[in-house]
Amino acid sequence: MLIVVRFCWQFLAQCVGGDCSAQASHRWPGKRFTCALSLPAIIAFVGWFYIMVNSGLRFIAIGLGLMMFGILAYLLRSYRGHTWPFEQA
C-alpha cells in the first residue's frame, strides 16, 4: 500500500509541474486554450488524489515523511557539493 501512496505523490507533483511548465512556456500564440490544456492534468490530479485519500491516513503520513526525508537529503547533498540550488552565480 505504501508504494501506491508514493506513486500518488509522484504523479500529483507531475500533474502540477506539467501544468505549470505549460503555463510558463509561450509556445501558444494566445491564452484562450490555456484552460483546455489544463483539463487532462486536472482530471489526472483528481483521480490520483482519490486513490491516495482512500489508501489511509497512516500510509499518507509515511509517504509524506519519506518525501520530506528525500528532499532534505537532496538539499544536504547539494549544499555540501555546492551544486544547484547552492552554486554561485
PDB file of N, CA and C in Angstrom:
ATOM      1  N   MET A   1       0.818  -1.190   0.000  1.00  0.00           N
ATOM      2  CA  MET A   1       0.000   0.000   0.000  1.00  0.00           C
ATOM      3  C   MET A   1       0.864   1.257   0.000  1.00  0.00           C
ATOM      4  N   LEU A   2       2.044   1.191   0.611  1.00  0.00           N
ATOM      5  CA  LEU A   2       2.909   2.363   0.658  1.00  0.00           C
ATOM      6  C   LEU A   2       3.386   2.751  -0.742  1.00  0.00           C
ATOM      7  N   ILE A   3       3.581   1.780  -1.603  1.00  0.00           N
ATOM      8  CA  ILE A   3       4.013   2.083  -2.966  1.00  0.00           C
ATOM      9  C   ILE A   3       2.930   2.859  -3.710  1.00  0.00           C
ATOM     10  N   VAL A   4       1.666   2.602  -3.393  1.00  0.00           N
ATOM     11  CA  VAL A   4       0.569   3.343  -4.012  1.00  0.00           C
ATOM     12  C   VAL A   4       0.650   4.816  -3.620  1.00  0.00           C
ATOM     13  N   VAL A   5       0.905   5.077  -2.346  1.00  0.00           N
ATOM     14  CA  VAL A   5       1.000   6.461  -1.885  1.00  0.00           C
ATOM     15  C   VAL A   5       2.203   7.145  -2.513  1.00  0.00           C
ATOM     16  N   ARG A   6       3.300   6.432  -2.642  1.00  0.00           N
ATOM     17  CA  ARG A   6       4.491   7.009  -3.268  1.00  0.00           C
ATOM     18  C   ARG A   6       4.208   7.401  -4.711  1.00  0.00           C
ATOM     19  N   PHE A   7       3.580   6.509  -5.453  1.00  0.00           N
ATOM     20  CA  PHE A   7       3.249   6.832  -6.838  1.00  0.00           C
ATOM     21  C   PHE A   7       2.237   7.969  -6.918  1.00  0.00           C
ATOM     22  N   CYS A   8       1.313   8.005  -5.983  1.00  0.00           N
ATOM     23  CA  CYS A   8       0.330   9.091  -5.990  1.00  0.00           C
ATOM     24  C   CYS A   8       1.003  10.434  -5.798  1.00  0.00           C
ATOM     25  N   TRP A   9       1.915  10.541  -4.827  1.00  0.00           N
ATOM     26  CA  TRP A   9       2.620  11.813  -4.620  1.00  0.00           C
ATOM     27  C   TRP A   9       3.421  12.186  -5.853  1.00  0.00           C
ATOM     28  N   GLN A  10       4.056  11.199  -6.471  1.00  0.00           N
ATOM     29  CA  GLN A  10       4.856  11.464  -7.653  1.00  0.00           C
ATOM     30  C   GLN A  10       3.985  11.980  -8.795  1.00  0.00           C
ATOM     31  N   PHE A  11       2.876  11.325  -9.048  1.00  0.00           N
ATOM     32  CA  PHE A  11       2.042  11.736 -10.160  1.00  0.00           C
ATOM     33  C   PHE A  11       1.273  13.020  -9.872  1.00  0.00           C
ATOM     34  N   LEU A  12       0.937  13.279  -8.610  1.00  0.00           N
ATOM     35  CA  LEU A  12       0.314  14.558  -8.279  1.00  0.00           C
ATOM     36  C   LEU A  12       1.285  15.704  -8.572  1.00  0.00           C
ATOM     37  N   ALA A  13       2.549  15.510  -8.187  1.00  0.00           N
ATOM     38  CA  ALA A  13       3.554  16.542  -8.457  1.00  0.00           C
ATOM     39  C   ALA A  13       3.771  16.711  -9.964  1.00  0.00           C
ATOM     40  N   GLN A  14       3.737  15.612 -10.723  1.00  0.00           N
ATOM     41  CA  GLN A  14       3.906  15.713 -12.168  1.00  0.00           C
ATOM     42  C   GLN A  14       2.740  16.446 -12.824  1.00  0.00           C
ATOM     43  N   CYS A  15       1.537  16.231 -12.313  1.00  0.00           N
ATOM     44  CA  CYS A  15       0.373  16.948 -12.853  1.00  0.00           C
ATOM     45  C   CYS A  15       0.525  18.451 -12.644  1.00  0.00           C
ATOM     46  N   VAL A  16       0.911  18.834 -11.450  1.00  0.00           N
ATOM     47  CA  VAL A  16       1.071  20.256 -11.145  1.00  0.00           C
ATOM     48  C   VAL A  16       2.251  20.839 -11.920  1.00  0.00           C
ATOM     49  N   GLY A  17       3.377  20.129 -11.926  1.00  0.00           N
ATOM     50  CA  GLY A  17       4.565  20.621 -12.627  1.00  0.00           C
ATOM     51  C   GLY A  17       4.364  20.723 -14.124  1.00  0.00           C
ATOM     52  N   GLY A  18       3.701  19.744 -14.696  1.00  0.00           N
ATOM     53  CA  GLY A  18       3.423  19.794 -16.132  1.00  0.00           C
ATOM     54  C   GLY A  18       2.526  20.956 -16.494  1.00  0.00           C
ATOM     55  N   ASP A  19       1.541  21.213 -15.668  1.00  0.00           N
ATOM     56  CA  ASP A  19       0.648  22.335 -15.919  1.00  0.00           C
ATOM     57  C   ASP A  19       1.376  23.660 -15.760  1.00  0.00           C
ATOM     58  N   CYS A  20       2.232  23.756 -14.747  1.00  0.00           N
ATOM     59  CA  CYS A  20       2.996  24.996 -14.533  1.00  0.00           C
ATOM     60  C   CYS A  20       3.960  25.253 -15.685  1.00  0.00           C
ATOM     61  N   SER A  21       4.607  24.214 -16.187  1.00  0.00           N
ATOM     62  CA  SER A  21       5.542  24.417 -17.290  1.00  0.00           C
ATOM     63  C   SER A  21       4.804  24.763 -18.577  1.00  0.00           C
ATOM     64  N   ALA A  22       3.610  24.199 -18.765  1.00  0.00           N
ATOM     65  CA  ALA A  22       2.830  24.560 -19.953  1.00  0.00           C
ATOM     66  C   ALA A  22       2.353  26.006 -19.858  1.00  0.00           C
ATOM     67  N   GLN A  23       2.000  26.449 -18.664  1.00  0.00           N
ATOM     68  CA  GLN A  23       1.563  27.835 -18.479  1.00  0.00           C
ATOM     69  C   GLN A  23       2.726  28.801 -18.680  1.00  0.00           C
ATOM     70  N   ALA A  24       3.928  28.384 -18.262  1.00  0.00           N
ATOM     71  CA  ALA A  24       5.083  29.277 -18.340  1.00  0.00           C
ATOM     72  C   ALA A  24       5.652  29.385 -19.753  1.00  0.00           C
ATOM     73  N   SER A  25       5.489  28.326 -20.543  1.00  0.00           N
ATOM     74  CA  SER A  25       6.036  28.384 -21.900  1.00  0.00           C
ATOM     75  C   SER A  25       5.117  29.228 -22.774  1.00  0.00           C
ATOM     76  N   HIS A  26       5.708  29.935 -23.650  1.00  0.00           N
ATOM     77  CA  HIS A  26       4.945  30.836 -24.513  1.00  0.00           C
ATOM     78  C   HIS A  26       4.908  30.291 -25.937  1.00  0.00           C
ATOM     79  N   ARG A  27       4.697  28.985 -26.044  1.00  0.00           N
ATOM     80  CA  ARG A  27       4.636  28.369 -27.365  1.00  0.00           C
ATOM     81  C   ARG A  27       3.304  28.644 -28.045  1.00  0.00           C
ATOM     82  N   TRP A  28       2.272  28.863 -27.251  1.00  0.00           N
ATOM     83  CA  TRP A  28       0.944  29.079 -27.822  1.00  0.00           C
ATOM     84  C   TRP A  28       0.753  30.567 -28.080  1.00  0.00           C
ATOM     85  N   PRO A  29       0.215  30.906 -29.254  1.00  0.00           N
ATOM     86  CA  PRO A  29       0.078  32.326 -29.592  1.00  0.00           C
ATOM     87  C   PRO A  29      -0.928  33.075 -28.723  1.00  0.00           C
ATOM     88  N   GLY A  30      -1.952  32.409 -28.252  1.00  0.00           N
ATOM     89  CA  GLY A  30      -2.964  33.081 -27.448  1.00  0.00           C
ATOM     90  C   GLY A  30      -3.183  32.373 -26.132  1.00  0.00           C
ATOM     91  N   LYS A  31      -3.902  33.031 -25.252  1.00  0.00           N
ATOM     92  CA  LYS A  31      -4.172  32.463 -23.943  1.00  0.00           C
ATOM     93  C   LYS A  31      -5.528  31.759 -23.890  1.00  0.00           C
ATOM     94  N   ARG A  32      -6.247  31.695 -24.974  1.00  0.00           N
ATOM     95  CA  ARG A  32      -7.602  31.154 -24.922  1.00  0.00           C
ATOM     96  C   ARG A  32      -7.639  29.646 -24.761  1.00  0.00           C
ATOM     97  N   PHE A  33      -6.562  28.927 -25.094  1.00  0.00           N
ATOM     98  CA  PHE A  33      -6.530  27.473 -24.963  1.00  0.00           C
ATOM     99  C   PHE A  33      -5.920  27.011 -23.639  1.00  0.00           C
ATOM    100  N   THR A  34      -5.560  27.935 -22.778  1.00  0.00           N
ATOM    101  CA  THR A  34      -4.867  27.583 -21.549  1.00  0.00           C
ATOM    102  C   THR A  34      -5.710  26.682 -20.662  1.00  0.00           C
ATOM    103  N   CYS A  35      -6.989  26.960 -20.518  1.00  0.00           N
ATOM    104  CA  CYS A  35      -7.866  26.125 -19.681  1.00  0.00           C
ATOM    105  C   CYS A  35      -8.017  24.736 -20.275  1.00  0.00           C
ATOM    106  N   ALA A  36      -8.104  24.635 -21.586  1.00  0.00           N
ATOM    107  CA  ALA A  36      -8.245  23.332 -22.238  1.00  0.00           C
ATOM    108  C   ALA A  36      -6.985  22.492 -22.060  1.00  0.00           C
ATOM    109  N   LEU A  37      -5.827  23.121 -22.006  1.00  0.00           N
ATOM    110  CA  LEU A  37      -4.580  22.387 -21.804  1.00  0.00           C
ATOM    111  C   LEU A  37      -4.480  21.847 -20.384  1.00  0.00           C
ATOM    112  N   SER A  38      -5.101  22.518 -19.426  1.00  0.00           N
ATOM    113  CA  SER A  38      -5.043  22.091 -18.034  1.00  0.00           C
ATOM    114  C   SER A  38      -6.032  20.981 -17.706  1.00  0.00           C
ATOM    115  N   LEU A  39      -7.023  20.762 -18.536  1.00  0.00           N
ATOM    116  CA  LEU A  39      -8.070  19.797 -18.233  1.00  0.00           C
ATOM    117  C   LEU A  39      -7.557  18.372 -18.017  1.00  0.00           C
ATOM    118  N   PRO A  40      -6.704  17.807 -18.866  1.00  0.00           N
ATOM    119  CA  PRO A  40      -6.198  16.447 -18.594  1.00  0.00           C
ATOM    120  C   PRO A  40      -5.417  16.357 -17.285  1.00  0.00           C
ATOM    121  N   ALA A  41      -4.646  17.390 -16.966  1.00  0.00           N
ATOM    122  CA  ALA A  41      -3.892  17.382 -15.704  1.00  0.00           C
ATOM    123  C   ALA A  41      -4.831  17.449 -14.515  1.00  0.00           C
ATOM    124  N   ILE A  42      -5.904  18.209 -14.629  1.00  0.00           N
ATOM    125  CA  ILE A  42      -6.874  18.300 -13.542  1.00  0.00           C
ATOM    126  C   ILE A  42      -7.574  16.971 -13.329  1.00  0.00           C
ATOM    127  N   ILE A  43      -7.956  16.316 -14.413  1.00  0.00           N
ATOM    128  CA  ILE A  43      -8.612  15.005 -14.309  1.00  0.00           C
ATOM    129  C   ILE A  43      -7.670  13.986 -13.682  1.00  0.00           C
ATOM    130  N   ALA A  44      -6.407  13.969 -14.122  1.00  0.00           N
ATOM    131  CA  ALA A  44      -5.431  13.041 -13.551  1.00  0.00           C
ATOM    132  C   ALA A  44      -5.185  13.347 -12.081  1.00  0.00           C
ATOM    133  N   PHE A  45      -5.098  14.622 -11.739  1.00  0.00           N
ATOM    134  CA  PHE A  45      -4.888  15.025 -10.348  1.00  0.00           C
ATOM    135  C   PHE A  45      -6.024  14.533  -9.459  1.00  0.00           C
ATOM    136  N   VAL A  46      -7.260  14.713  -9.895  1.00  0.00           N
ATOM    137  CA  VAL A  46      -8.415  14.269  -9.116  1.00  0.00           C
ATOM    138  C   VAL A  46      -8.401  12.752  -8.943  1.00  0.00           C
ATOM    139  N   GLY A  47      -8.070  12.023 -10.001  1.00  0.00           N
ATOM    140  CA  GLY A  47      -8.017  10.562  -9.919  1.00  0.00           C
ATOM    141  C   GLY A  47      -6.955  10.063  -8.959  1.00  0.00           C
ATOM    142  N   TRP A  48      -5.746  10.601  -9.057  1.00  0.00           N
ATOM    143  CA  TRP A  48      -4.671  10.178  -8.164  1.00  0.00           C
ATOM    144  C   TRP A  48      -4.930  10.613  -6.732  1.00  0.00           C
ATOM    145  N   PHE A  49      -5.538  11.782  -6.557  1.00  0.00           N
ATOM    146  CA  PHE A  49      -5.863  12.240  -5.211  1.00  0.00           C
ATOM    147  C   PHE A  49      -6.906  11.329  -4.571  1.00  0.00           C
ATOM    148  N   TYR A  50      -7.876  10.887  -5.353  1.00  0.00           N
ATOM    149  CA  TYR A  50      -8.893   9.965  -4.854  1.00  0.00           C
ATOM    150  C   TYR A  50      -8.262   8.644  -4.396  1.00  0.00           C
ATOM    151  N   ILE A  51      -7.351   8.124  -5.196  1.00  0.00           N
ATOM    152  CA  ILE A  51      -6.668   6.874  -4.832  1.00  0.00           C
ATOM    153  C   ILE A  51      -5.861   7.065  -3.553  1.00  0.00           C
ATOM    154  N   MET A  52      -5.158   8.191  -3.462  1.00  0.00           N
ATOM    155  CA  MET A  52      -4.328   8.421  -2.287  1.00  0.00           C
ATOM    156  C   MET A  52      -5.165   8.577  -1.021  1.00  0.00           C
ATOM    157  N   VAL A  53      -6.256   9.316  -1.091  1.00  0.00           N
ATOM    158  CA  VAL A  53      -7.091   9.537   0.085  1.00  0.00           C
ATOM    159  C   VAL A  53      -7.686   8.218   0.581  1.00  0.00           C
ATOM    160  N   ASN A  54      -8.027   7.335  -0.325  1.00  0.00           N
ATOM    161  CA  ASN A  54      -8.627   6.061   0.058  1.00  0.00           C
ATOM    162  C   ASN A  54      -7.606   5.032   0.531  1.00  0.00           C
ATOM    163  N   SER A  55      -6.325   5.365   0.487  1.00  0.00           N
ATOM    164  CA  SER A  55      -5.308   4.410   0.935  1.00  0.00           C
ATOM    165  C   SER A  55      -5.130   4.409   2.453  1.00  0.00           C
ATOM    166  N   GLY A  56      -5.546   5.456   3.121  1.00  0.00           N
ATOM    167  CA  GLY A  56      -5.455   5.503   4.587  1.00  0.00           C
ATOM    168  C   GLY A  56      -4.498   6.573   5.068  1.00  0.00           C
ATOM    169  N   LEU A  57      -4.817   7.145   6.212  1.00  0.00           N
ATOM    170  CA  LEU A  57      -4.036   8.251   6.772  1.00  0.00           C
ATOM    171  C   LEU A  57      -2.626   7.821   7.171  1.00  0.00           C
ATOM    172  N   ARG A  58      -2.489   6.614   7.651  1.00  0.00           N
ATOM    173  CA  ARG A  58      -1.170   6.131   8.077  1.00  0.00           C
ATOM    174  C   ARG A  58      -0.190   6.101   6.904  1.00  0.00           C
ATOM    175  N   PHE A  59      -0.645   5.586   5.775  1.00  0.00           N
ATOM    176  CA  PHE A  59       0.230   5.492   4.612  1.00  0.00           C
ATOM    177  C   PHE A  59       0.508   6.860   4.000  1.00  0.00           C
ATOM    178  N   ILE A  60      -0.455   7.765   4.080  1.00  0.00           N
ATOM    179  CA  ILE A  60      -0.235   9.123   3.595  1.00  0.00           C
ATOM    180  C   ILE A  60       0.841   9.807   4.433  1.00  0.00           C
ATOM    181  N   ALA A  61       0.773   9.647   5.750  1.00  0.00           N
ATOM    182  CA  ALA A  61       1.770  10.255   6.639  1.00  0.00           C
ATOM    183  C   ALA A  61       3.157   9.665   6.394  1.00  0.00           C
ATOM    184  N   ILE A  62       3.233   8.357   6.229  1.00  0.00           N
ATOM    185  CA  ILE A  62       4.528   7.717   5.949  1.00  0.00           C
ATOM    186  C   ILE A  62       5.079   8.210   4.616  1.00  0.00           C
ATOM    187  N   GLY A  63       4.222   8.309   3.611  1.00  0.00           N
ATOM    188  CA  GLY A  63       4.650   8.801   2.299  1.00  0.00           C
ATOM    189  C   GLY A  63       5.157  10.228   2.357  1.00  0.00           C
ATOM    190  N   LEU A  64       4.463  11.084   3.093  1.00  0.00           N
ATOM    191  CA  LEU A  64       4.915  12.467   3.257  1.00  0.00           C
ATOM    192  C   LEU A  64       6.244  12.539   3.997  1.00  0.00           C
ATOM    193  N   GLY A  65       6.387  11.708   5.032  1.00  0.00           N
ATOM    194  CA  GLY A  65       7.637  11.680   5.773  1.00  0.00           C
ATOM    195  C   GLY A  65       8.808  11.245   4.911  1.00  0.00           C
ATOM    196  N   LEU A  66       8.604  10.224   4.113  1.00  0.00           N
ATOM    197  CA  LEU A  66       9.672   9.758   3.215  1.00  0.00           C
ATOM    198  C   LEU A  66      10.004  10.797   2.154  1.00  0.00           C
ATOM    199  N   MET A  67       8.987  11.484   1.654  1.00  0.00           N
ATOM    200  CA  MET A  67       9.229  12.521   0.662  1.00  0.00           C
ATOM    201  C   MET A  67      10.041  13.666   1.275  1.00  0.00           C
ATOM    202  N   MET A  68       9.701  14.073   2.495  1.00  0.00           N
ATOM    203  CA  MET A  68      10.448  15.139   3.156  1.00  0.00           C
ATOM    204  C   MET A  68      11.889  14.714   3.442  1.00  0.00           C
ATOM    205  N   PHE A  69      12.084  13.458   3.821  1.00  0.00           N
ATOM    206  CA  PHE A  69      13.429  12.941   4.038  1.00  0.00           C
ATOM    207  C   PHE A  69      14.239  13.000   2.744  1.00  0.00           C
ATOM    208  N   GLY A  70      13.632  12.624   1.628  1.00  0.00           N
ATOM    209  CA  GLY A  70      14.319  12.678   0.336  1.00  0.00           C
ATOM    210  C   GLY A  70      14.682  14.098  -0.063  1.00  0.00           C
ATOM    211  N   ILE A  71      13.789  15.037   0.176  1.00  0.00           N
ATOM    212  CA  ILE A  71      14.063  16.434  -0.149  1.00  0.00           C
ATOM    213  C   ILE A  71      15.209  16.965   0.700  1.00  0.00           C
ATOM    214  N   LEU A  72      15.185  16.660   1.984  1.00  0.00           N
ATOM    215  CA  LEU A  72      16.268  17.115   2.868  1.00  0.00           C
ATOM    216  C   LEU A  72      17.603  16.480   2.497  1.00  0.00           C
ATOM    217  N   ALA A  73      17.591  15.187   2.140  1.00  0.00           N
ATOM    218  CA  ALA A  73      18.829  14.518   1.727  1.00  0.00           C
ATOM    219  C   ALA A  73      19.392  15.159   0.461  1.00  0.00           C
ATOM    220  N   TYR A  74      18.520  15.480  -0.494  1.00  0.00           N
ATOM    221  CA  TYR A  74      18.969  16.129  -1.725  1.00  0.00           C
ATOM    222  C   TYR A  74      19.558  17.509  -1.441  1.00  0.00           C
ATOM    223  N   LEU A  75      18.860  18.290  -0.610  1.00  0.00           N
ATOM    224  CA  LEU A  75      19.358  19.628  -0.301  1.00  0.00           C
ATOM    225  C   LEU A  75      20.682  19.584   0.452  1.00  0.00           C
ATOM    226  N   LEU A  76      20.846  18.644   1.356  1.00  0.00           N
ATOM    227  CA  LEU A  76      22.108  18.498   2.084  1.00  0.00           C
ATOM    228  C   LEU A  76      23.240  18.113   1.141  1.00  0.00           C
ATOM    229  N   ARG A  77      22.973  17.186   0.244  1.00  0.00           N
ATOM    230  CA  ARG A  77      23.995  16.772  -0.725  1.00  0.00           C
ATOM    231  C   ARG A  77      24.359  17.935  -1.656  1.00  0.00           C
ATOM    232  N   SER A  78      23.357  18.699  -2.094  1.00  0.00           N
ATOM    233  CA  SER A  78      23.623  19.843  -2.961  1.00  0.00           C
ATOM    234  C   SER A  78      24.403  20.925  -2.227  1.00  0.00           C
ATOM    235  N   TYR A  79      24.094  21.130  -0.962  1.00  0.00           N
ATOM    236  CA  TYR A  79      24.790  22.134  -0.173  1.00  0.00           C
ATOM    237  C   TYR A  79      26.260  21.763   0.003  1.00  0.00           C
ATOM    238  N   ARG A  80      26.513  20.506   0.308  1.00  0.00           N
ATOM    239  CA  ARG A  80      27.901  20.067   0.506  1.00  0.00           C
ATOM    240  C   ARG A  80      28.704  20.081  -0.786  1.00  0.00           C
ATOM    241  N   GLY A  81      28.059  19.798  -1.910  1.00  0.00           N
ATOM    242  CA  GLY A  81      28.754  19.777  -3.193  1.00  0.00           C
ATOM    243  C   GLY A  81      28.717  21.098  -3.930  1.00  0.00           C
ATOM    244  N   HIS A  82      28.068  22.119  -3.340  1.00  0.00           N
ATOM    245  CA  HIS A  82      27.936  23.436  -3.957  1.00  0.00           C
ATOM    246  C   HIS A  82      27.363  23.332  -5.365  1.00  0.00           C
ATOM    247  N   THR A  83      26.336  22.512  -5.517  1.00  0.00           N
ATOM    248  CA  THR A  83      25.654  22.388  -6.800  1.00  0.00           C
ATOM    249  C   THR A  83      24.291  23.055  -6.686  1.00  0.00           C
ATOM    250  N   TRP A  84      23.557  23.031  -7.767  1.00  0.00           N
ATOM    251  CA  TRP A  84      22.245  23.678  -7.775  1.00  0.00           C
ATOM    252  C   TRP A  84      21.427  23.173  -6.618  1.00  0.00           C
ATOM    253  N   PRO A  85      20.744  23.967  -5.872  1.00  0.00           N
ATOM    254  CA  PRO A  85      20.492  25.411  -5.986  1.00  0.00           C
ATOM    255  C   PRO A  85      21.449  26.264  -5.150  1.00  0.00           C
ATOM    256  N   PHE A  86      22.573  25.708  -4.738  1.00  0.00           N
ATOM    257  CA  PHE A  86      23.507  26.433  -3.875  1.00  0.00           C
ATOM    258  C   PHE A  86      24.766  26.896  -4.578  1.00  0.00           C
ATOM    259  N   GLU A  87      24.832  26.767  -5.897  1.00  0.00           N
ATOM    260  CA  GLU A  87      26.051  27.174  -6.590  1.00  0.00           C
ATOM    261  C   GLU A  87      26.097  28.685  -6.741  1.00  0.00           C
ATOM    262  N   GLN A  88      27.299  29.202  -6.858  1.00  0.00           N
ATOM    263  CA  GLN A  88      27.499  30.639  -7.011  1.00  0.00           C
ATOM    264  C   GLN A  88      27.142  31.050  -8.432  1.00  0.00           C
ATOM    265  N   ALA A  89      26.434  32.145  -8.540  1.00  0.00           N
ATOM    266  CA  ALA A  89      26.015  32.620  -9.865  1.00  0.00           C
ATOM    267  C   ALA A  89      27.121  33.383 -10.537  1.00  0.00           C
TER     268      ALA A  89
END
